[in-house]
Amino acid sequence: MKNKVETSREILASPQAVWEIISDLESMGRLSPENTGGRWEKGVKGVEEGVIFRGKNKNGFRQWPTKVLITECEPPKKLAFILRVGGQTWCEWAYRIEVTENGCLVTESWTDMRTWLQVKIGWVVSGVADRATHNLKSMEETLENLSRLAEAK
């Protein structure tokens, strides 16, 4: 199974200002309606390719931890990470930042790589049956919050 959703937003801020916000995964809770933050694993101080981040998510009364591996880190252009559960990749999240005349265009994407069984497990854990629709709405809210923070700097 492979399903990809993405959304973009122009932000009136420099790519570097936007990068500093999205690469601060510990503070992602101020952007995302589902992620509440997390911590770097094993003494890692920040984002770089190959490091692991342990996130925390919440939907209503449901809460669950995540473990993601940073797969691409090109400041201030691209950040991508994969969610792995039980040694298997479930999805990829990515942010692309492109320079525009007035700031930058930020594109957030989510690629679903789950099997049908992982879809069922994800539904039970998170309470979300239609993850693609849910994530698109969440990404739009995330980019709105990102815009507000970056443009206020």
C-alpha atoms as a PDB file:
ATOM      1  CA  MET A   1       0.000   0.000   0.000  1.00  0.00           C
ATOM      2  CA  LYS A   2       1.336   3.446  -0.866  1.00  0.00           C
ATOM      3  CA  ASN A   3      -0.602   6.657  -0.489  1.00  0.00           C
ATOM      4  CA  LYS A   4       0.877  10.153  -0.513  1.00  0.00           C
ATOM      5  CA  VAL A   5      -0.697  13.424   0.541  1.00  0.00           C
ATOM      6  CA  GLU A   6       0.927  16.826   0.540  1.00  0.00           C
ATOM      7  CA  THR A   7       0.102  20.453   0.947  1.00  0.00           C
ATOM      8  CA  SER A   8       2.033  23.684   0.440  1.00  0.00           C
ATOM      9  CA  ARG A   9       1.955  27.196   1.801  1.00  0.00           C
ATOM     10  CA  GLU A  10       3.903  30.326   0.997  1.00  0.00           C
ATOM     11  CA  ILE A  11       5.417  31.851   4.109  1.00  0.00           C
ATOM     12  CA  LEU A  12       6.664  35.424   4.290  1.00  0.00           C
ATOM     13  CA  ALA A  13       9.888  34.518   6.068  1.00  0.00           C
ATOM     14  CA  SER A  14      13.350  33.372   5.075  1.00  0.00           C
ATOM     15  CA  PRO A  15      14.004  29.681   4.429  1.00  0.00           C
ATOM     16  CA  GLN A  16      16.450  29.742   7.350  1.00  0.00           C
ATOM     17  CA  ALA A  17      13.814  31.085   9.761  1.00  0.00           C
ATOM     18  CA  VAL A  18      11.387  28.366   8.650  1.00  0.00           C
ATOM     19  CA  TRP A  19      14.102  25.692   8.865  1.00  0.00           C
ATOM     20  CA  GLU A  20      14.928  26.630  12.457  1.00  0.00           C
ATOM     21  CA  ILE A  21      11.307  26.058  13.454  1.00  0.00           C
ATOM     22  CA  ILE A  22      10.630  22.775  11.615  1.00  0.00           C
ATOM     23  CA  SER A  23      13.969  21.218  12.527  1.00  0.00           C
ATOM     24  CA  ASP A  24      13.252  21.758  16.244  1.00  0.00           C
ATOM     25  CA  LEU A  25      11.400  18.451  16.570  1.00  0.00           C
ATOM     26  CA  GLU A  26      11.330  18.686  20.359  1.00  0.00           C
ATOM     27  CA  SER A  27       9.023  21.695  19.970  1.00  0.00           C
ATOM     28  CA  MET A  28       6.880  20.312  17.128  1.00  0.00           C
ATOM     29  CA  GLY A  29       3.922  20.366  19.502  1.00  0.00           C
ATOM     30  CA  ARG A  30       3.552  24.109  18.960  1.00  0.00           C
ATOM     31  CA  LEU A  31       2.907  23.430  15.252  1.00  0.00           C
ATOM     32  CA  SER A  32       1.180  20.055  15.014  1.00  0.00           C
ATOM     33  CA  PRO A  33      -2.321  19.263  16.258  1.00  0.00           C
ATOM     34  CA  GLU A  34      -1.285  15.629  16.874  1.00  0.00           C
ATOM     35  CA  ASN A  35       2.420  15.585  17.773  1.00  0.00           C
ATOM     36  CA  THR A  36       3.173  16.914  21.232  1.00  0.00           C
ATOM     37  CA  GLY A  37       6.959  16.984  21.004  1.00  0.00           C
ATOM     38  CA  GLY A  38       9.532  14.458  22.081  1.00  0.00           C
ATOM     39  CA  ARG A  39      13.242  13.991  22.603  1.00  0.00           C
ATOM     40  CA  TRP A  40      16.393  13.043  20.743  1.00  0.00           C
ATOM     41  CA  GLU A  41      17.804   9.598  21.420  1.00  0.00           C
ATOM     42  CA  LYS A  42      21.192   8.818  22.960  1.00  0.00           C
ATOM     43  CA  GLY A  43      22.543  12.282  23.581  1.00  0.00           C
ATOM     44  CA  VAL A  44      21.785  13.677  20.124  1.00  0.00           C
ATOM     45  CA  LYS A  45      21.477  17.460  20.318  1.00  0.00           C
ATOM     46  CA  GLY A  46      19.624  18.165  17.083  1.00  0.00           C
ATOM     47  CA  VAL A  47      18.562  17.164  13.636  1.00  0.00           C
ATOM     48  CA  GLU A  48      21.019  15.388  11.344  1.00  0.00           C
ATOM     49  CA  GLU A  49      20.790  12.480   8.946  1.00  0.00           C
ATOM     50  CA  GLY A  50      20.821   9.069  10.618  1.00  0.00           C
ATOM     51  CA  VAL A  51      19.723  10.125  14.110  1.00  0.00           C
ATOM     52  CA  ILE A  52      16.632   8.918  15.943  1.00  0.00           C
ATOM     53  CA  PHE A  53      13.935  11.039  17.495  1.00  0.00           C
ATOM     54  CA  ARG A  54      11.342   9.705  19.931  1.00  0.00           C
ATOM     55  CA  GLY A  55       8.096  11.569  19.490  1.00  0.00           C
ATOM     56  CA  LYS A  56       4.852  11.731  21.431  1.00  0.00           C
ATOM     57  CA  ASN A  57       1.439  11.951  19.791  1.00  0.00           C
ATOM     58  CA  LYS A  58      -2.069  12.484  21.052  1.00  0.00           C
ATOM     59  CA  ASN A  59      -5.566  12.283  19.588  1.00  0.00           C
ATOM     60  CA  GLY A  60      -8.327  12.856  22.120  1.00  0.00           C
ATOM     61  CA  PHE A  61      -7.706  10.511  25.032  1.00  0.00           C
ATOM     62  CA  ARG A  62      -5.378   8.314  22.970  1.00  0.00           C
ATOM     63  CA  GLN A  63      -1.619   8.786  23.329  1.00  0.00           C
ATOM     64  CA  TRP A  64       1.235   6.878  21.689  1.00  0.00           C
ATOM     65  CA  PRO A  65       4.998   7.136  21.281  1.00  0.00           C
ATOM     66  CA  THR A  66       6.816   7.162  17.948  1.00  0.00           C
ATOM     67  CA  LYS A  67      10.346   6.454  16.843  1.00  0.00           C
ATOM     68  CA  VAL A  68      11.547   8.195  13.702  1.00  0.00           C
ATOM     69  CA  LEU A  69      14.801   8.054  11.780  1.00  0.00           C
ATOM     70  CA  ILE A  70      16.001  11.212  10.034  1.00  0.00           C
ATOM     71  CA  THR A  71      16.631  10.158   6.424  1.00  0.00           C
ATOM     72  CA  GLU A  72      17.315  13.512   4.751  1.00  0.00           C
ATOM     73  CA  CYS A  73      18.648  16.690   6.287  1.00  0.00           C
ATOM     74  CA  GLU A  74      19.586  19.510   3.915  1.00  0.00           C
ATOM     75  CA  PRO A  75      19.370  22.818   5.795  1.00  0.00           C
ATOM     76  CA  PRO A  76      17.449  24.957   4.921  1.00  0.00           C
ATOM     77  CA  LYS A  77      15.885  22.969   2.038  1.00  0.00           C
ATOM     78  CA  LYS A  78      14.650  19.549   3.109  1.00  0.00           C
ATOM     79  CA  LEU A  79      13.936  17.465   6.176  1.00  0.00           C
ATOM     80  CA  ALA A  80      12.564  13.927   5.912  1.00  0.00           C
ATOM     81  CA  PHE A  81      12.090  11.129   8.401  1.00  0.00           C
ATOM     82  CA  ILE A  82      10.555   7.676   8.483  1.00  0.00           C
ATOM     83  CA  LEU A  83       8.407   6.166  11.214  1.00  0.00           C
ATOM     84  CA  ARG A  84       9.471   2.649  12.069  1.00  0.00           C
ATOM     85  CA  VAL A  85       7.536   0.219  14.249  1.00  0.00           C
ATOM     86  CA  GLY A  86       8.761  -3.288  14.969  1.00  0.00           C
ATOM     87  CA  GLY A  87      11.567  -2.941  12.445  1.00  0.00           C
ATOM     88  CA  GLN A  88       9.198  -1.994   9.617  1.00  0.00           C
ATOM     89  CA  THR A  89       8.729   1.376   7.934  1.00  0.00           C
ATOM     90  CA  TRP A  90       5.167   2.670   8.290  1.00  0.00           C
ATOM     91  CA  CYS A  91       5.411   6.101   6.668  1.00  0.00           C
ATOM     92  CA  GLU A  92       7.604   8.991   5.659  1.00  0.00           C
ATOM     93  CA  TRP A  93       7.145  12.644   6.584  1.00  0.00           C
ATOM     94  CA  ALA A  94       8.963  15.335   4.611  1.00  0.00           C
ATOM     95  CA  TYR A  95       9.278  19.103   4.471  1.00  0.00           C
ATOM     96  CA  ARG A  96      10.627  20.923   1.407  1.00  0.00           C
ATOM     97  CA  ILE A  97      11.475  24.619   1.534  1.00  0.00           C
ATOM     98  CA  GLU A  98      11.867  26.558  -1.710  1.00  0.00           C
ATOM     99  CA  VAL A  99      12.844  30.207  -2.049  1.00  0.00           C
ATOM    100  CA  THR A 100      10.171  32.525  -3.455  1.00  0.00           C
ATOM    101  CA  GLU A 101      10.155  36.234  -4.233  1.00  0.00           C
ATOM    102  CA  ASN A 102       8.532  37.061  -0.880  1.00  0.00           C
ATOM    103  CA  GLY A 103       9.926  34.324   1.371  1.00  0.00           C
ATOM    104  CA  CYS A 104       9.562  30.614   0.793  1.00  0.00           C
ATOM    105  CA  LEU A 105       7.165  27.878  -0.235  1.00  0.00           C
ATOM    106  CA  VAL A 106       6.927  25.085   2.317  1.00  0.00           C
ATOM    107  CA  THR A 107       5.566  21.703   1.253  1.00  0.00           C
ATOM    108  CA  GLU A 108       4.754  19.068   3.842  1.00  0.00           C
ATOM    109  CA  SER A 109       4.109  15.506   2.696  1.00  0.00           C
ATOM    110  CA  TRP A 110       3.199  12.173   4.204  1.00  0.00           C
ATOM    111  CA  THR A 111       3.693   8.884   2.388  1.00  0.00           C
ATOM    112  CA  ASP A 112       1.864   5.866   3.784  1.00  0.00           C
ATOM    113  CA  MET A 113       3.821   2.614   3.499  1.00  0.00           C
ATOM    114  CA  ARG A 114       1.722   0.489   5.854  1.00  0.00           C
ATOM    115  CA  THR A 115       0.337  -2.952   5.154  1.00  0.00           C
ATOM    116  CA  TRP A 116      -3.393  -3.569   5.668  1.00  0.00           C
ATOM    117  CA  LEU A 117      -2.599  -5.019   9.118  1.00  0.00           C
ATOM    118  CA  GLN A 118      -0.567  -1.935  10.078  1.00  0.00           C
ATOM    119  CA  VAL A 119      -3.482   0.244   8.948  1.00  0.00           C
ATOM    120  CA  LYS A 120      -5.764  -1.650  11.360  1.00  0.00           C
ATOM    121  CA  ILE A 121      -3.256  -1.411  14.203  1.00  0.00           C
ATOM    122  CA  GLY A 122      -2.787   2.310  13.557  1.00  0.00           C
ATOM    123  CA  TRP A 123      -6.549   2.838  13.676  1.00  0.00           C
ATOM    124  CA  VAL A 124      -6.818   1.077  17.045  1.00  0.00           C
ATOM    125  CA  VAL A 125      -3.854   2.977  18.531  1.00  0.00           C
ATOM    126  CA  SER A 126      -4.685   6.452  17.187  1.00  0.00           C
ATOM    127  CA  GLY A 127      -8.441   6.328  16.675  1.00  0.00           C
ATOM    128  CA  VAL A 128      -7.982   7.522  13.073  1.00  0.00           C
ATOM    129  CA  ALA A 129      -9.529   5.308  10.389  1.00  0.00           C
ATOM    130  CA  ASP A 130      -8.746   7.536   7.372  1.00  0.00           C
ATOM    131  CA  ARG A 131      -5.166   8.542   8.054  1.00  0.00           C
ATOM    132  CA  ALA A 132      -4.634  10.305   4.678  1.00  0.00           C
ATOM    133  CA  THR A 133      -7.580  12.694   5.149  1.00  0.00           C
ATOM    134  CA  HIS A 134      -6.708  13.230   8.813  1.00  0.00           C
ATOM    135  CA  ASN A 135      -3.063  13.972   8.029  1.00  0.00           C
ATOM    136  CA  LEU A 136      -3.892  16.396   5.220  1.00  0.00           C
ATOM    137  CA  LYS A 137      -6.052  18.423   7.605  1.00  0.00           C
ATOM    138  CA  SER A 138      -3.326  18.252  10.276  1.00  0.00           C
ATOM    139  CA  MET A 139      -0.642  19.329   7.797  1.00  0.00           C
ATOM    140  CA  GLU A 140      -2.697  22.359   6.771  1.00  0.00           C
ATOM    141  CA  GLU A 141      -2.987  23.345  10.439  1.00  0.00           C
ATOM    142  CA  THR A 142       0.736  22.694  10.973  1.00  0.00           C
ATOM    143  CA  LEU A 143       1.683  24.967   8.064  1.00  0.00           C
ATOM    144  CA  GLU A 144      -0.704  27.651   9.313  1.00  0.00           C
ATOM    145  CA  ASN A 145       0.992  27.551  12.734  1.00  0.00           C
ATOM    146  CA  LEU A 146       4.425  27.516  11.086  1.00  0.00           C
ATOM    147  CA  SER A 147       3.501  30.579   9.054  1.00  0.00           C
ATOM    148  CA  ARG A 148       2.293  32.435  12.138  1.00  0.00           C
ATOM    149  CA  LEU A 149       5.491  31.688  14.078  1.00  0.00           C
ATOM    150  CA  ALA A 150       7.947  32.330  11.237  1.00  0.00           C
ATOM    151  CA  GLU A 151       6.303  35.563  10.130  1.00  0.00           C
ATOM    152  CA  ALA A 152       6.290  36.897  13.691  1.00  0.00           C
ATOM    153  CA  LYS A 153      10.095  36.696  13.948  1.00  0.00           C
END
